[in-house]
N, C-alpha and C. Protein backbone atom coordinates (compact mmCIF):
# COMPACT_ATOMS: atom_id res chain seq x y z
N UNK A 1 -13.94 -12.60 -22.45
CA UNK A 1 -13.51 -11.77 -22.33
C UNK A 1 -12.45 -11.02 -23.65
N UNK A 2 -11.94 -9.75 -24.16
CA UNK A 2 -11.65 -9.92 -25.41
C UNK A 2 -11.42 -7.87 -25.08
N UNK A 3 -12.31 -7.73 -23.79
CA UNK A 3 -11.61 -6.42 -23.70
C UNK A 3 -10.16 -6.03 -22.82
N UNK A 4 -9.32 -4.89 -24.14
CA UNK A 4 -7.68 -4.76 -23.35
C UNK A 4 -8.13 -3.67 -22.21
N UNK A 5 -8.92 -3.65 -22.01
CA UNK A 5 -9.65 -1.93 -20.80
C UNK A 5 -9.39 -3.07 -19.79
N UNK A 6 -9.88 -4.04 -19.36
CA UNK A 6 -11.14 -4.53 -18.50
C UNK A 6 -11.33 -5.90 -18.77
N UNK A 7 -11.13 -7.27 -17.69
CA UNK A 7 -11.62 -8.47 -17.32
C UNK A 7 -11.87 -8.60 -15.90
N UNK A 8 -12.08 -10.06 -15.72
CA UNK A 8 -12.55 -10.13 -14.59
C UNK A 8 -12.44 -11.37 -14.57
N UNK A 9 -12.73 -11.85 -13.21
CA UNK A 9 -12.64 -14.20 -12.98
C UNK A 9 -13.50 -14.13 -11.41
N UNK A 10 -14.17 -15.74 -11.57
CA UNK A 10 -14.77 -16.22 -9.88
C UNK A 10 -13.53 -16.43 -9.60
N UNK A 11 -13.45 -16.18 -8.10
CA UNK A 11 -11.79 -17.77 -8.58
C UNK A 11 -12.17 -18.28 -6.92
N UNK A 12 -11.83 -18.56 -6.27
CA UNK A 12 -11.55 -20.35 -4.89
C UNK A 12 -11.12 -19.67 -4.32
N UNK A 13 -10.45 -19.60 -3.19
CA UNK A 13 -10.09 -19.54 -2.13
C UNK A 13 -9.85 -20.19 -1.19
N UNK A 14 -9.22 -21.72 -1.19
CA UNK A 14 -8.68 -22.42 0.26
C UNK A 14 -8.56 -22.62 0.53
N UNK A 15 -7.85 -21.71 2.14
CA UNK A 15 -5.87 -21.27 2.50
C UNK A 15 -5.30 -20.17 2.02
N UNK A 16 -4.21 -20.13 2.13
CA UNK A 16 -3.24 -18.93 1.48
C UNK A 16 -3.17 -19.08 0.07
N UNK A 17 -3.05 -17.29 -0.40
CA UNK A 17 -2.65 -18.14 -2.10
C UNK A 17 -2.19 -16.70 -1.92
N UNK A 18 -0.96 -16.67 -2.17
CA UNK A 18 0.31 -17.61 -2.82
C UNK A 18 0.53 -18.28 -1.91
N UNK A 19 0.91 -19.72 -0.81
CA UNK A 19 1.32 -20.70 -0.18
C UNK A 19 2.09 -20.55 0.41
N UNK A 20 3.32 -18.70 -0.13
CA UNK A 20 4.33 -18.14 0.54
C UNK A 20 4.62 -17.28 -0.22
N UNK A 21 5.17 -16.27 1.13
CA UNK A 21 5.28 -14.65 -0.40
C UNK A 21 3.86 -14.15 0.05
N UNK A 22 4.29 -12.86 -1.63
CA UNK A 22 2.86 -12.74 -1.90
C UNK A 22 3.32 -12.20 -3.60
N UNK A 23 2.88 -11.52 -3.87
CA UNK A 23 2.36 -11.75 -4.72
C UNK A 23 1.40 -10.13 -6.27
N UNK A 24 1.87 -9.58 -6.44
CA UNK A 24 2.07 -8.96 -6.77
C UNK A 24 1.38 -7.90 -8.40
N UNK A 25 0.73 -6.92 -8.53
CA UNK A 25 0.50 -7.22 -10.21
C UNK A 25 1.06 -5.70 -10.99
N UNK A 26 2.57 -5.66 -12.35
CA UNK A 26 3.15 -4.73 -12.46
C UNK A 26 1.57 -3.56 -13.27
N UNK A 27 0.73 -4.19 -13.32
CA UNK A 27 0.17 -2.56 -14.23
C UNK A 27 -1.61 -2.70 -14.53
N UNK A 28 -2.45 -4.03 -12.87
CA UNK A 28 -3.28 -3.46 -13.31
C UNK A 28 -4.05 -3.34 -11.30
N UNK A 29 -4.63 -1.95 -11.82
CA UNK A 29 -5.57 -1.77 -11.05
C UNK A 29 -6.94 -3.19 -10.50
N UNK A 30 -6.72 -4.50 -9.61
CA UNK A 30 -7.10 -5.43 -8.72
C UNK A 30 -8.43 -4.94 -7.99
N UNK A 31 -9.52 -5.27 -7.87
CA UNK A 31 -10.37 -5.33 -6.93
C UNK A 31 -11.02 -7.19 -6.61
N UNK A 32 -11.35 -7.23 -5.60
CA UNK A 32 -11.26 -8.24 -5.04
C UNK A 32 -13.11 -8.47 -4.28
N UNK A 33 -14.27 -8.49 -4.69
CA UNK A 33 -15.70 -8.59 -4.37
C UNK A 33 -16.10 -9.95 -3.48
N UNK A 34 -16.15 -9.99 -3.03
CA UNK A 34 -15.87 -11.58 -1.55
C UNK A 34 -17.79 -11.66 -1.84
N UNK A 35 -17.37 -12.90 -3.03
CA UNK A 35 -19.58 -13.17 -2.66
C UNK A 35 -19.32 -14.09 -2.02
N UNK A 36 -19.22 -14.82 -1.04
CA UNK A 36 -18.99 -16.14 -0.14
C UNK A 36 -17.78 -16.68 0.45
N UNK A 37 -18.37 -16.67 1.61
CA UNK A 37 -16.70 -17.10 2.71
C UNK A 37 -16.41 -15.72 3.28
N UNK A 38 -15.61 -15.92 3.92
CA UNK A 38 -15.14 -15.22 4.65
C UNK A 38 -13.71 -16.00 4.36
N UNK A 39 -12.37 -14.28 5.22
CA UNK A 39 -11.20 -14.28 5.34
C UNK A 39 -9.67 -13.25 5.29
N UNK A 40 -8.64 -13.00 4.98
CA UNK A 40 -8.38 -12.02 4.89
C UNK A 40 -7.56 -11.99 3.68
N UNK A 41 -7.19 -10.32 2.91
CA UNK A 41 -6.37 -9.84 2.66
C UNK A 41 -5.00 -9.32 3.41
N UNK A 42 -3.43 -9.38 3.02
CA UNK A 42 -2.93 -9.05 3.91
C UNK A 42 -2.24 -7.71 2.29
N UNK A 43 -2.43 -6.40 2.57
CA UNK A 43 -2.03 -5.69 1.45
C UNK A 43 -0.51 -4.14 1.43
N UNK A 44 0.30 -5.11 1.68
CA UNK A 44 2.12 -4.23 1.84
C UNK A 44 2.24 -4.76 3.93
N UNK A 45 2.11 -5.83 4.37
CA UNK A 45 2.18 -5.64 5.54
C UNK A 45 1.07 -5.49 6.03
N UNK A 46 -0.49 -4.99 6.33
CA UNK A 46 -1.36 -4.81 7.15
C UNK A 46 -2.95 -5.42 6.14
N UNK A 47 -3.02 -5.83 6.68
CA UNK A 47 -4.03 -7.26 7.07
C UNK A 47 -5.62 -6.52 6.73
N UNK A 48 -6.16 -7.13 6.35
CA UNK A 48 -7.82 -6.58 5.97
C UNK A 48 -8.71 -8.08 6.35
N UNK A 49 -9.60 -8.28 7.62
CA UNK A 49 -10.83 -9.18 7.30
C UNK A 49 -11.79 -9.19 6.20
N UNK A 50 -12.19 -9.45 6.14
CA UNK A 50 -12.78 -9.86 4.36
C UNK A 50 -14.50 -10.97 4.67
N UNK A 51 -15.69 -10.70 4.63
CA UNK A 51 -16.20 -10.89 4.62
C UNK A 51 -17.41 -11.27 3.35
N UNK A 52 -18.35 -12.15 3.55
CA UNK A 52 -19.53 -12.10 2.29
C UNK A 52 -19.94 -9.85 2.22
N UNK A 53 -20.25 -9.15 0.59
CA UNK A 53 -20.41 -8.65 0.27
C UNK A 53 -18.81 -7.20 0.27
N UNK A 54 -17.85 -7.73 1.49
CA UNK A 54 -17.25 -6.76 0.96
C UNK A 54 -15.93 -6.49 -0.02
N UNK A 55 -15.42 -5.43 -0.83
CA UNK A 55 -14.99 -4.81 -1.56
C UNK A 55 -13.47 -4.73 -0.90
N UNK A 56 -12.22 -4.47 -1.72
CA UNK A 56 -11.32 -4.35 -1.35
C UNK A 56 -10.34 -3.81 -2.97
N UNK A 57 -9.95 -3.15 -3.11
CA UNK A 57 -8.79 -2.75 -3.97
C UNK A 57 -7.52 -2.52 -3.87
N UNK A 58 -6.87 -3.10 -4.59
CA UNK A 58 -5.47 -2.80 -5.16
C UNK A 58 -4.90 -2.85 -5.94
N UNK A 59 -3.98 -1.55 -5.46
CA UNK A 59 -3.33 -0.10 -6.76
C UNK A 59 -2.61 -1.63 -7.15
N UNK A 60 -1.60 -1.01 -8.90
CA UNK A 60 -0.35 -1.60 -9.13
C UNK A 60 0.05 -1.64 -8.15
N UNK A 61 1.25 -2.64 -8.33
CA UNK A 61 2.54 -2.61 -7.56
C UNK A 61 2.76 -3.01 -6.49
N UNK A 62 2.01 -2.87 -5.17
CA UNK A 62 0.83 -3.35 -3.66
C UNK A 62 1.15 -4.46 -4.29
N UNK A 63 1.98 -5.68 -2.98
CA UNK A 63 2.72 -6.40 -2.52
C UNK A 63 1.27 -7.44 -2.22
N UNK A 64 0.94 -8.19 -2.16
CA UNK A 64 -0.28 -9.16 -1.43
C UNK A 64 -0.78 -10.42 -1.71
N UNK A 65 -1.35 -11.17 0.28
CA UNK A 65 -2.24 -12.26 -0.38
C UNK A 65 -3.04 -12.19 -0.05
N UNK A 66 -3.88 -13.72 -0.79
CA UNK A 66 -5.01 -13.49 0.16
C UNK A 66 -4.74 -15.25 1.06
N UNK A 67 -5.85 -14.97 2.31
CA UNK A 67 -6.41 -16.62 2.99
C UNK A 67 -7.32 -16.85 3.30
N UNK A 68 -8.02 -17.81 3.62
CA UNK A 68 -9.36 -17.91 4.08
C UNK A 68 -9.69 -18.85 3.01
N UNK A 69 -11.51 -18.61 3.46
CA UNK A 69 -12.46 -20.03 2.46
C UNK A 69 -12.82 -19.28 1.93
N UNK A 70 -13.45 -18.40 0.29
CA UNK A 70 -13.71 -17.38 -0.01
C UNK A 70 -13.93 -17.88 -0.98
N UNK A 71 -15.37 -17.32 -1.97
CA UNK A 71 -15.54 -16.93 -4.24
C UNK A 71 -15.39 -15.99 -3.53
N UNK A 72 -14.67 -15.36 -4.66
CA UNK A 72 -14.38 -13.91 -4.61
C UNK A 72 -14.57 -13.67 -6.39
N UNK A 73 -15.04 -12.19 -6.96
CA UNK A 73 -15.34 -12.19 -8.30
C UNK A 73 -13.54 -10.80 -7.95
N UNK A 74 -13.06 -11.28 -9.13
CA UNK A 74 -11.74 -10.26 -9.15
C UNK A 74 -11.58 -9.97 -10.45
N UNK A 75 -12.38 -8.29 -11.04
CA UNK A 75 -11.92 -7.28 -12.20
C UNK A 75 -10.45 -6.65 -12.34
N UNK A 76 -10.10 -6.66 -13.00
CA UNK A 76 -9.24 -6.15 -12.92
C UNK A 76 -8.95 -4.79 -14.60
N UNK A 77 -8.41 -4.02 -14.14
CA UNK A 77 -8.11 -2.45 -15.46
C UNK A 77 -6.74 -2.64 -14.88
N UNK A 78 -5.52 -2.17 -16.50
CA UNK A 78 -6.51 -2.82 -17.44
C UNK A 78 -6.04 -4.01 -16.94
N UNK A 79 -6.10 -4.72 -18.22
CA UNK A 79 -7.15 -6.12 -18.52
C UNK A 79 -6.03 -7.13 -18.34
N UNK A 80 -6.07 -8.23 -17.33
CA UNK A 80 -5.37 -9.53 -16.54
C UNK A 80 -4.54 -9.10 -17.70
N UNK A 81 -3.44 -10.17 -17.86
CA UNK A 81 -2.79 -11.53 -18.02
C UNK A 81 -1.28 -11.97 -17.62
N UNK A 82 -0.89 -12.91 -18.31
CA UNK A 82 0.19 -13.92 -16.64
C UNK A 82 1.47 -12.91 -16.52
N UNK A 83 1.85 -12.29 -18.06
CA UNK A 83 3.38 -11.63 -18.23
C UNK A 83 3.47 -10.68 -16.01
N UNK A 84 1.73 -9.80 -16.48
CA UNK A 84 1.90 -8.25 -15.66
C UNK A 84 2.34 -8.65 -13.77
N UNK A 85 1.53 -10.74 -13.50
CA UNK A 85 1.50 -10.78 -12.57
C UNK A 85 2.00 -11.89 -11.65
N UNK A 86 3.46 -11.34 -11.36
CA UNK A 86 4.38 -11.71 -10.13
C UNK A 86 4.72 -12.09 -8.69
N UNK A 87 5.27 -13.22 -8.53
CA UNK A 87 5.24 -13.81 -7.32
C UNK A 87 6.34 -12.48 -6.18
N UNK A 88 6.48 -12.86 -5.30
CA UNK A 88 7.16 -11.90 -4.51
C UNK A 88 7.80 -11.72 -3.48
N UNK A 89 8.49 -11.29 -2.85
CA UNK A 89 8.57 -12.13 -1.01
C UNK A 89 8.40 -11.22 -0.46
């Protein structure tokens, strides 16, 4: 997709991402929709259980990690690019 305002990806979470620490996006709002499986997301230290059909919103600058065994659709606005994705402690 070449739209600068929106994009998305289907991702497989198997274990913890990132393996240590947390990640954040400096520009995008990210939504995570659980297509299959279950797990959790920890956003700014608060853990949220996730199961099939759940949807979570992560705001720009929020530090988070995913954990579980899930297939997810993650759309981003504006469109995600690697320069705005950062690993943090």
